[in-house]
Amino acid sequence: EYTLEYGTATLEIHTDAFIAGHRVLVMDDVLATGGT
């Protein structure tokens, strides 16, 4: 759970989404408060 500039929300990811040690780039459209 996290806070947005205009409220709160919840994000989820599959528990088995990665192989241990995967190196990941996280991408989104906008960086606002940084909560997402």
PDB file of all heavy atoms in Angstrom:
ATOM      1  N   GLU A   1       0.862  -1.186   0.000  1.00  0.00           N
ATOM      2  CA  GLU A   1       0.000   0.000   0.000  1.00  0.00           C
ATOM      3  C   GLU A   1       0.896   1.233   0.000  1.00  0.00           C
ATOM      4  O   GLU A   1       1.984   1.207   0.566  1.00  0.00           O
ATOM      5  CB  GLU A   1      -0.909  -0.011   1.218  1.00  0.00           C
ATOM      6  CG  GLU A   1      -1.913  -1.145   1.180  1.00  0.00           C
ATOM      7  CD  GLU A   1      -2.870  -1.136   2.354  1.00  0.00           C
ATOM      8  OE1 GLU A   1      -3.014  -0.079   3.013  1.00  0.00           O
ATOM      9  OE2 GLU A   1      -3.460  -2.188   2.614  1.00  0.00           O
ATOM     10  N   TYR A   2       0.425   2.299  -0.629  1.00  0.00           N
ATOM     11  CA  TYR A   2       1.235   3.511  -0.742  1.00  0.00           C
ATOM     12  C   TYR A   2       0.333   4.721  -0.899  1.00  0.00           C
ATOM     13  O   TYR A   2      -0.872   4.595  -1.129  1.00  0.00           O
ATOM     14  CB  TYR A   2       2.213   3.408  -1.919  1.00  0.00           C
ATOM     15  CG  TYR A   2       1.529   3.323  -3.264  1.00  0.00           C
ATOM     16  CD1 TYR A   2       1.428   4.441  -4.088  1.00  0.00           C
ATOM     17  CD2 TYR A   2       0.958   2.135  -3.717  1.00  0.00           C
ATOM     18  CE1 TYR A   2       0.788   4.375  -5.301  1.00  0.00           C
ATOM     19  CE2 TYR A   2       0.316   2.063  -4.928  1.00  0.00           C
ATOM     20  CZ  TYR A   2       0.238   3.188  -5.728  1.00  0.00           C
ATOM     21  OH  TYR A   2      -0.400   3.124  -6.932  1.00  0.00           O
ATOM     22  N   THR A   3       0.953   5.906  -0.793  1.00  0.00           N
ATOM     23  CA  THR A   3       0.226   7.165  -0.897  1.00  0.00           C
ATOM     24  C   THR A   3       0.545   7.832  -2.221  1.00  0.00           C
ATOM     25  O   THR A   3       1.704   7.899  -2.630  1.00  0.00           O
ATOM     26  CB  THR A   3       0.629   8.108   0.257  1.00  0.00           C
ATOM     27  OG1 THR A   3       0.358   7.433   1.495  1.00  0.00           O
ATOM     28  CG2 THR A   3      -0.152   9.404   0.210  1.00  0.00           C
ATOM     29  N   LEU A   4      -0.489   8.319  -2.869  1.00  0.00           N
ATOM     30  CA  LEU A   4      -0.372   9.088  -4.112  1.00  0.00           C
ATOM     31  C   LEU A   4      -0.525  10.566  -3.778  1.00  0.00           C
ATOM     32  O   LEU A   4      -0.900  10.920  -2.668  1.00  0.00           O
ATOM     33  CB  LEU A   4      -1.511   8.725  -5.080  1.00  0.00           C
ATOM     34  CG  LEU A   4      -1.644   7.283  -5.521  1.00  0.00           C
ATOM     35  CD1 LEU A   4      -3.112   6.948  -5.720  1.00  0.00           C
ATOM     36  CD2 LEU A   4      -0.899   7.102  -6.815  1.00  0.00           C
ATOM     37  N   GLU A   5      -0.322  11.420  -4.781  1.00  0.00           N
ATOM     38  CA  GLU A   5      -0.532  12.847  -4.560  1.00  0.00           C
ATOM     39  C   GLU A   5      -2.004  13.183  -4.349  1.00  0.00           C
ATOM     40  O   GLU A   5      -2.347  14.237  -3.847  1.00  0.00           O
ATOM     41  CB  GLU A   5       0.067  13.677  -5.708  1.00  0.00           C
ATOM     42  CG  GLU A   5      -0.553  13.439  -7.063  1.00  0.00           C
ATOM     43  CD  GLU A   5       0.045  12.275  -7.832  1.00  0.00           C
ATOM     44  OE1 GLU A   5       0.697  11.390  -7.252  1.00  0.00           O
ATOM     45  OE2 GLU A   5      -0.176  12.229  -9.050  1.00  0.00           O
ATOM     46  N   TYR A   6      -2.914  12.255  -4.700  1.00  0.00           N
ATOM     47  CA  TYR A   6      -4.346  12.510  -4.562  1.00  0.00           C
ATOM     48  C   TYR A   6      -5.092  11.370  -3.874  1.00  0.00           C
ATOM     49  O   TYR A   6      -6.282  11.194  -4.068  1.00  0.00           O
ATOM     50  CB  TYR A   6      -4.972  12.805  -5.934  1.00  0.00           C
ATOM     51  CG  TYR A   6      -4.600  11.800  -6.994  1.00  0.00           C
ATOM     52  CD1 TYR A   6      -5.277  10.601  -7.119  1.00  0.00           C
ATOM     53  CD2 TYR A   6      -3.548  12.048  -7.867  1.00  0.00           C
ATOM     54  CE1 TYR A   6      -4.932   9.682  -8.065  1.00  0.00           C
ATOM     55  CE2 TYR A   6      -3.190  11.137  -8.833  1.00  0.00           C
ATOM     56  CZ  TYR A   6      -3.890   9.953  -8.923  1.00  0.00           C
ATOM     57  OH  TYR A   6      -3.534   9.029  -9.890  1.00  0.00           O
ATOM     58  N   GLY A   7      -4.397  10.543  -3.055  1.00  0.00           N
ATOM     59  CA  GLY A   7      -5.080   9.469  -2.339  1.00  0.00           C
ATOM     60  C   GLY A   7      -4.133   8.338  -1.981  1.00  0.00           C
ATOM     61  O   GLY A   7      -2.926   8.527  -1.874  1.00  0.00           O
ATOM     62  N   THR A   8      -4.698   7.131  -1.808  1.00  0.00           N
ATOM     63  CA  THR A   8      -3.903   5.947  -1.511  1.00  0.00           C
ATOM     64  C   THR A   8      -4.280   4.844  -2.481  1.00  0.00           C
ATOM     65  O   THR A   8      -5.341   4.885  -3.102  1.00  0.00           O
ATOM     66  CB  THR A   8      -4.134   5.451  -0.065  1.00  0.00           C
ATOM     67  OG1 THR A   8      -5.512   5.127   0.086  1.00  0.00           O
ATOM     68  CG2 THR A   8      -3.727   6.488   0.957  1.00  0.00           C
ATOM     69  N   ALA A   9      -3.398   3.852  -2.600  1.00  0.00           N
ATOM     70  CA  ALA A   9      -3.649   2.735  -3.504  1.00  0.00           C
ATOM     71  C   ALA A   9      -2.838   1.527  -3.051  1.00  0.00           C
ATOM     72  O   ALA A   9      -2.002   1.624  -2.151  1.00  0.00           O
ATOM     73  CB  ALA A   9      -3.293   3.115  -4.935  1.00  0.00           C
ATOM     74  N   THR A  10      -3.087   0.388  -3.699  1.00  0.00           N
ATOM     75  CA  THR A  10      -2.377  -0.855  -3.419  1.00  0.00           C
ATOM     76  C   THR A  10      -1.897  -1.453  -4.728  1.00  0.00           C
ATOM     77  O   THR A  10      -2.644  -1.498  -5.707  1.00  0.00           O
ATOM     78  CB  THR A  10      -3.302  -1.859  -2.702  1.00  0.00           C
ATOM     79  OG1 THR A  10      -3.786  -1.257  -1.503  1.00  0.00           O
ATOM     80  CG2 THR A  10      -2.577  -3.149  -2.359  1.00  0.00           C
ATOM     81  N   LEU A  11      -0.645  -1.897  -4.746  1.00  0.00           N
ATOM     82  CA  LEU A  11      -0.068  -2.578  -5.900  1.00  0.00           C
ATOM     83  C   LEU A  11       0.270  -4.013  -5.525  1.00  0.00           C
ATOM     84  O   LEU A  11       0.527  -4.320  -4.357  1.00  0.00           O
ATOM     85  CB  LEU A  11       1.215  -1.883  -6.357  1.00  0.00           C
ATOM     86  CG  LEU A  11       1.078  -0.505  -6.969  1.00  0.00           C
ATOM     87  CD1 LEU A  11       2.454   0.070  -7.286  1.00  0.00           C
ATOM     88  CD2 LEU A  11       0.223  -0.552  -8.229  1.00  0.00           C
ATOM     89  N   GLU A  12       0.318  -4.877  -6.549  1.00  0.00           N
ATOM     90  CA  GLU A  12       0.680  -6.268  -6.341  1.00  0.00           C
ATOM     91  C   GLU A  12       1.608  -6.751  -7.450  1.00  0.00           C
ATOM     92  O   GLU A  12       1.602  -6.222  -8.559  1.00  0.00           O
ATOM     93  CB  GLU A  12      -0.561  -7.165  -6.322  1.00  0.00           C
ATOM     94  CG  GLU A  12      -1.481  -6.892  -5.157  1.00  0.00           C
ATOM     95  CD  GLU A  12      -2.713  -7.781  -5.147  1.00  0.00           C
ATOM     96  OE1 GLU A  12      -3.176  -8.208  -6.225  1.00  0.00           O
ATOM     97  OE2 GLU A  12      -3.202  -8.039  -4.039  1.00  0.00           O
ATOM     98  N   ILE A  13       2.393  -7.787  -7.107  1.00  0.00           N
ATOM     99  CA  ILE A  13       3.258  -8.462  -8.065  1.00  0.00           C
ATOM    100  C   ILE A  13       3.198  -9.947  -7.749  1.00  0.00           C
ATOM    101  O   ILE A  13       2.992 -10.327  -6.584  1.00  0.00           O
ATOM    102  CB  ILE A  13       4.708  -7.921  -7.990  1.00  0.00           C
ATOM    103  CG1 ILE A  13       5.516  -8.319  -9.213  1.00  0.00           C
ATOM    104  CG2 ILE A  13       5.382  -8.368  -6.708  1.00  0.00           C
ATOM    105  CD1 ILE A  13       6.856  -7.576  -9.306  1.00  0.00           C
ATOM    106  N   HIS A  14       3.332 -10.790  -8.759  1.00  0.00           N
ATOM    107  CA  HIS A  14       3.357 -12.232  -8.489  1.00  0.00           C
ATOM    108  C   HIS A  14       4.566 -12.584  -7.628  1.00  0.00           C
ATOM    109  O   HIS A  14       5.662 -12.057  -7.828  1.00  0.00           O
ATOM    110  CB  HIS A  14       3.428 -13.028  -9.799  1.00  0.00           C
ATOM    111  CG  HIS A  14       2.115 -13.161 -10.473  1.00  0.00           C
ATOM    112  ND1 HIS A  14       1.914 -12.806 -11.781  1.00  0.00           N
ATOM    113  CD2 HIS A  14       0.918 -13.621 -10.022  1.00  0.00           C
ATOM    114  CE1 HIS A  14       0.652 -13.036 -12.116  1.00  0.00           C
ATOM    115  NE2 HIS A  14       0.032 -13.529 -11.062  1.00  0.00           N
ATOM    116  N   THR A  15       4.349 -13.499  -6.698  1.00  0.00           N
ATOM    117  CA  THR A  15       5.440 -13.921  -5.819  1.00  0.00           C
ATOM    118  C   THR A  15       6.545 -14.639  -6.588  1.00  0.00           C
ATOM    119  O   THR A  15       7.697 -14.631  -6.164  1.00  0.00           O
ATOM    120  CB  THR A  15       4.930 -14.841  -4.689  1.00  0.00           C
ATOM    121  OG1 THR A  15       4.278 -15.977  -5.275  1.00  0.00           O
ATOM    122  CG2 THR A  15       3.967 -14.103  -3.768  1.00  0.00           C
ATOM    123  N   ASP A  16       6.197 -15.236  -7.719  1.00  0.00           N
ATOM    124  CA  ASP A  16       7.174 -15.984  -8.516  1.00  0.00           C
ATOM    125  C   ASP A  16       7.577 -15.246  -9.798  1.00  0.00           C
ATOM    126  O   ASP A  16       7.966 -15.853 -10.791  1.00  0.00           O
ATOM    127  CB  ASP A  16       6.634 -17.373  -8.853  1.00  0.00           C
ATOM    128  CG  ASP A  16       5.367 -17.332  -9.701  1.00  0.00           C
ATOM    129  OD1 ASP A  16       4.825 -16.217  -9.956  1.00  0.00           O
ATOM    130  OD2 ASP A  16       4.905 -18.403 -10.116  1.00  0.00           O
ATOM    131  N   ALA A  17       7.525 -13.924  -9.771  1.00  0.00           N
ATOM    132  CA  ALA A  17       7.770 -13.120 -10.976  1.00  0.00           C
ATOM    133  C   ALA A  17       9.217 -13.147 -11.454  1.00  0.00           C
ATOM    134  O   ALA A  17       9.486 -12.885 -12.625  1.00  0.00           O
ATOM    135  CB  ALA A  17       7.344 -11.668 -10.728  1.00  0.00           C
ATOM    136  N   PHE A  18      10.151 -13.459 -10.563  1.00  0.00           N
ATOM    137  CA  PHE A  18      11.570 -13.360 -10.903  1.00  0.00           C
ATOM    138  C   PHE A  18      12.333 -14.615 -10.520  1.00  0.00           C
ATOM    139  O   PHE A  18      11.953 -15.335  -9.606  1.00  0.00           O
ATOM    140  CB  PHE A  18      12.219 -12.180 -10.163  1.00  0.00           C
ATOM    141  CG  PHE A  18      11.512 -10.886 -10.374  1.00  0.00           C
ATOM    142  CD1 PHE A  18      10.716 -10.352  -9.378  1.00  0.00           C
ATOM    143  CD2 PHE A  18      11.626 -10.193 -11.572  1.00  0.00           C
ATOM    144  CE1 PHE A  18      10.047  -9.156  -9.570  1.00  0.00           C
ATOM    145  CE2 PHE A  18      10.963  -9.002 -11.768  1.00  0.00           C
ATOM    146  CZ  PHE A  18      10.169  -8.482 -10.772  1.00  0.00           C
ATOM    147  N   ILE A  19      13.451 -14.783 -11.190  1.00  0.00           N
ATOM    148  CA  ILE A  19      14.458 -15.750 -10.767  1.00  0.00           C
ATOM    149  C   ILE A  19      15.321 -14.992  -9.763  1.00  0.00           C
ATOM    150  O   ILE A  19      15.636 -13.817  -9.976  1.00  0.00           O
ATOM    151  CB  ILE A  19      15.302 -16.217 -11.968  1.00  0.00           C
ATOM    152  CG1 ILE A  19      14.420 -16.965 -12.964  1.00  0.00           C
ATOM    153  CG2 ILE A  19      16.482 -17.055 -11.506  1.00  0.00           C
ATOM    154  CD1 ILE A  19      15.095 -17.268 -14.275  1.00  0.00           C
ATOM    155  N   ALA A  20      15.702 -15.640  -8.681  1.00  0.00           N
ATOM    156  CA  ALA A  20      16.513 -14.974  -7.654  1.00  0.00           C
ATOM    157  C   ALA A  20      17.711 -14.275  -8.303  1.00  0.00           C
ATOM    158  O   ALA A  20      18.407 -14.852  -9.137  1.00  0.00           O
ATOM    159  CB  ALA A  20      16.987 -15.977  -6.617  1.00  0.00           C
ATOM    160  N   GLY A  21      17.906 -13.020  -7.938  1.00  0.00           N
ATOM    161  CA  GLY A  21      19.027 -12.252  -8.460  1.00  0.00           C
ATOM    162  C   GLY A  21      18.755 -11.498  -9.744  1.00  0.00           C
ATOM    163  O   GLY A  21      19.645 -10.781 -10.230  1.00  0.00           O
ATOM    164  N   HIS A  22      17.566 -11.636 -10.320  1.00  0.00           N
ATOM    165  CA  HIS A  22      17.254 -10.846 -11.511  1.00  0.00           C
ATOM    166  C   HIS A  22      17.536  -9.374 -11.247  1.00  0.00           C
ATOM    167  O   HIS A  22      17.230  -8.851 -10.171  1.00  0.00           O
ATOM    168  CB  HIS A  22      15.772 -10.983 -11.884  1.00  0.00           C
ATOM    169  CG  HIS A  22      15.518 -11.963 -12.966  1.00  0.00           C
ATOM    170  ND1 HIS A  22      14.291 -12.560 -13.128  1.00  0.00           N
ATOM    171  CD2 HIS A  22      16.281 -12.448 -13.969  1.00  0.00           C
ATOM    172  CE1 HIS A  22      14.311 -13.368 -14.166  1.00  0.00           C
ATOM    173  NE2 HIS A  22      15.521 -13.320 -14.691  1.00  0.00           N
ATOM    174  N   ARG A  23      18.102  -8.710 -12.242  1.00  0.00           N
ATOM    175  CA  ARG A  23      18.350  -7.262 -12.186  1.00  0.00           C
ATOM    176  C   ARG A  23      17.198  -6.580 -12.916  1.00  0.00           C
ATOM    177  O   ARG A  23      16.909  -6.918 -14.065  1.00  0.00           O
ATOM    178  CB  ARG A  23      19.679  -6.929 -12.856  1.00  0.00           C
ATOM    179  CG  ARG A  23      20.861  -7.632 -12.204  1.00  0.00           C
ATOM    180  CD  ARG A  23      22.109  -7.541 -13.054  1.00  0.00           C
ATOM    181  NE  ARG A  23      21.870  -8.182 -14.355  1.00  0.00           N
ATOM    182  CZ  ARG A  23      22.604  -7.964 -15.438  1.00  0.00           C
ATOM    183  NH1 ARG A  23      23.621  -7.137 -15.422  1.00  0.00           N
ATOM    184  NH2 ARG A  23      22.319  -8.585 -16.569  1.00  0.00           N
ATOM    185  N   VAL A  24      16.563  -5.626 -12.251  1.00  0.00           N
ATOM    186  CA  VAL A  24      15.299  -5.080 -12.731  1.00  0.00           C
ATOM    187  C   VAL A  24      15.362  -3.567 -12.932  1.00  0.00           C
ATOM    188  O   VAL A  24      15.893  -2.842 -12.091  1.00  0.00           O
ATOM    189  CB  VAL A  24      14.165  -5.413 -11.727  1.00  0.00           C
ATOM    190  CG1 VAL A  24      12.855  -4.752 -12.114  1.00  0.00           C
ATOM    191  CG2 VAL A  24      13.996  -6.922 -11.619  1.00  0.00           C
ATOM    192  N   LEU A  25      14.782  -3.118 -14.039  1.00  0.00           N
ATOM    193  CA  LEU A  25      14.504  -1.706 -14.288  1.00  0.00           C
ATOM    194  C   LEU A  25      13.018  -1.512 -14.021  1.00  0.00           C
ATOM    195  O   LEU A  25      12.186  -2.203 -14.614  1.00  0.00           O
ATOM    196  CB  LEU A  25      14.828  -1.325 -15.734  1.00  0.00           C
ATOM    197  CG  LEU A  25      14.356   0.063 -16.181  1.00  0.00           C
ATOM    198  CD1 LEU A  25      15.041   1.165 -15.380  1.00  0.00           C
ATOM    199  CD2 LEU A  25      14.600   0.240 -17.679  1.00  0.00           C
ATOM    200  N   VAL A  26      12.673  -0.600 -13.116  1.00  0.00           N
ATOM    201  CA  VAL A  26      11.277  -0.270 -12.829  1.00  0.00           C
ATOM    202  C   VAL A  26      10.906   0.954 -13.659  1.00  0.00           C
ATOM    203  O   VAL A  26      11.584   1.976 -13.594  1.00  0.00           O
ATOM    204  CB  VAL A  26      11.066   0.023 -11.325  1.00  0.00           C
ATOM    205  CG1 VAL A  26       9.648   0.510 -11.062  1.00  0.00           C
ATOM    206  CG2 VAL A  26      11.367  -1.226 -10.500  1.00  0.00           C
ATOM    207  N   MET A  27       9.829   0.833 -14.442  1.00  0.00           N
ATOM    208  CA  MET A  27       9.392   1.933 -15.300  1.00  0.00           C
ATOM    209  C   MET A  27       7.957   2.341 -14.995  1.00  0.00           C
ATOM    210  O   MET A  27       7.098   1.501 -14.768  1.00  0.00           O
ATOM    211  CB  MET A  27       9.461   1.539 -16.779  1.00  0.00           C
ATOM    212  CG  MET A  27      10.856   1.444 -17.322  1.00  0.00           C
ATOM    213  SD  MET A  27      10.856   1.300 -19.122  1.00  0.00           S
ATOM    214  CE  MET A  27      10.475   2.995 -19.577  1.00  0.00           C
ATOM    215  N   ASP A  28       7.737   3.657 -15.043  1.00  0.00           N
ATOM    216  CA  ASP A  28       6.385   4.199 -14.933  1.00  0.00           C
ATOM    217  C   ASP A  28       6.303   5.446 -15.788  1.00  0.00           C
ATOM    218  O   ASP A  28       7.327   5.957 -16.261  1.00  0.00           O
ATOM    219  CB  ASP A  28       6.027   4.488 -13.479  1.00  0.00           C
ATOM    220  CG  ASP A  28       4.515   4.482 -13.230  1.00  0.00           C
ATOM    221  OD1 ASP A  28       3.743   4.249 -14.189  1.00  0.00           O
ATOM    222  OD2 ASP A  28       4.122   4.704 -12.083  1.00  0.00           O
ATOM    223  N   ASP A  29       5.112   5.939 -15.964  1.00  0.00           N
ATOM    224  CA  ASP A  29       4.935   7.121 -16.804  1.00  0.00           C
ATOM    225  C   ASP A  29       5.366   8.388 -16.094  1.00  0.00           C
ATOM    226  O   ASP A  29       6.111   9.188 -16.644  1.00  0.00           O
ATOM    227  CB  ASP A  29       3.497   7.238 -17.310  1.00  0.00           C
ATOM    228  CG  ASP A  29       2.464   7.323 -16.197  1.00  0.00           C
ATOM    229  OD1 ASP A  29       2.741   6.899 -15.047  1.00  0.00           O
ATOM    230  OD2 ASP A  29       1.348   7.806 -16.465  1.00  0.00           O
ATOM    231  N   VAL A  30       4.921   8.558 -14.837  1.00  0.00           N
ATOM    232  CA  VAL A  30       5.167   9.802 -14.118  1.00  0.00           C
ATOM    233  C   VAL A  30       5.742   9.502 -12.731  1.00  0.00           C
ATOM    234  O   VAL A  30       5.260   8.609 -12.031  1.00  0.00           O
ATOM    235  CB  VAL A  30       3.864  10.620 -13.968  1.00  0.00           C
ATOM    236  CG1 VAL A  30       4.078  11.862 -13.121  1.00  0.00           C
ATOM    237  CG2 VAL A  30       3.314  11.003 -15.336  1.00  0.00           C
ATOM    238  N   LEU A  31       6.755  10.257 -12.344  1.00  0.00           N
ATOM    239  CA  LEU A  31       7.258  10.248 -10.976  1.00  0.00           C
ATOM    240  C   LEU A  31       6.716  11.510 -10.325  1.00  0.00           C
ATOM    241  O   LEU A  31       7.098  12.619 -10.703  1.00  0.00           O
ATOM    242  CB  LEU A  31       8.791  10.244 -10.952  1.00  0.00           C
ATOM    243  CG  LEU A  31       9.437  10.342  -9.568  1.00  0.00           C
ATOM    244  CD1 LEU A  31       9.034   9.164  -8.690  1.00  0.00           C
ATOM    245  CD2 LEU A  31      10.947  10.424  -9.700  1.00  0.00           C
ATOM    246  N   ALA A  32       5.798  11.326  -9.383  1.00  0.00           N
ATOM    247  CA  ALA A  32       5.186  12.471  -8.697  1.00  0.00           C
ATOM    248  C   ALA A  32       5.681  12.479  -7.251  1.00  0.00           C
ATOM    249  O   ALA A  32       6.769  12.952  -6.985  1.00  0.00           O
ATOM    250  CB  ALA A  32       3.667  12.386  -8.801  1.00  0.00           C
ATOM    251  N   THR A  33       4.923  11.903  -6.337  1.00  0.00           N
ATOM    252  CA  THR A  33       5.351  11.871  -4.930  1.00  0.00           C
ATOM    253  C   THR A  33       6.355  10.763  -4.662  1.00  0.00           C
ATOM    254  O   THR A  33       6.973  10.741  -3.604  1.00  0.00           O
ATOM    255  CB  THR A  33       4.146  11.670  -3.998  1.00  0.00           C
ATOM    256  OG1 THR A  33       3.574  10.384  -4.276  1.00  0.00           O
ATOM    257  CG2 THR A  33       3.124  12.774  -4.162  1.00  0.00           C
ATOM    258  N   GLY A  34       6.492   9.839  -5.591  1.00  0.00           N
ATOM    259  CA  GLY A  34       7.412   8.722  -5.435  1.00  0.00           C
ATOM    260  C   GLY A  34       6.798   7.508  -4.773  1.00  0.00           C
ATOM    261  O   GLY A  34       7.429   6.458  -4.697  1.00  0.00           O
ATOM    262  N   GLY A  35       5.570   7.616  -4.305  1.00  0.00           N
ATOM    263  CA  GLY A  35       4.928   6.502  -3.613  1.00  0.00           C
ATOM    264  C   GLY A  35       4.746   5.274  -4.474  1.00  0.00           C
ATOM    265  O   GLY A  35       5.010   4.149  -4.042  1.00  0.00           O
ATOM    266  N   THR A  36       4.311   5.466  -5.696  1.00  0.00           N
ATOM    267  CA  THR A  36       4.094   4.338  -6.601  1.00  0.00           C
ATOM    268  C   THR A  36       5.416   3.643  -6.902  1.00  0.00           C
ATOM    269  O   THR A  36       5.524   2.415  -6.820  1.00  0.00           O
ATOM    270  CB  THR A  36       3.434   4.810  -7.910  1.00  0.00           C
ATOM    271  OG1 THR A  36       2.217   5.488  -7.601  1.00  0.00           O
ATOM    272  CG2 THR A  36       3.156   3.640  -8.832  1.00  0.00           C
TER     273      THR A  36
END
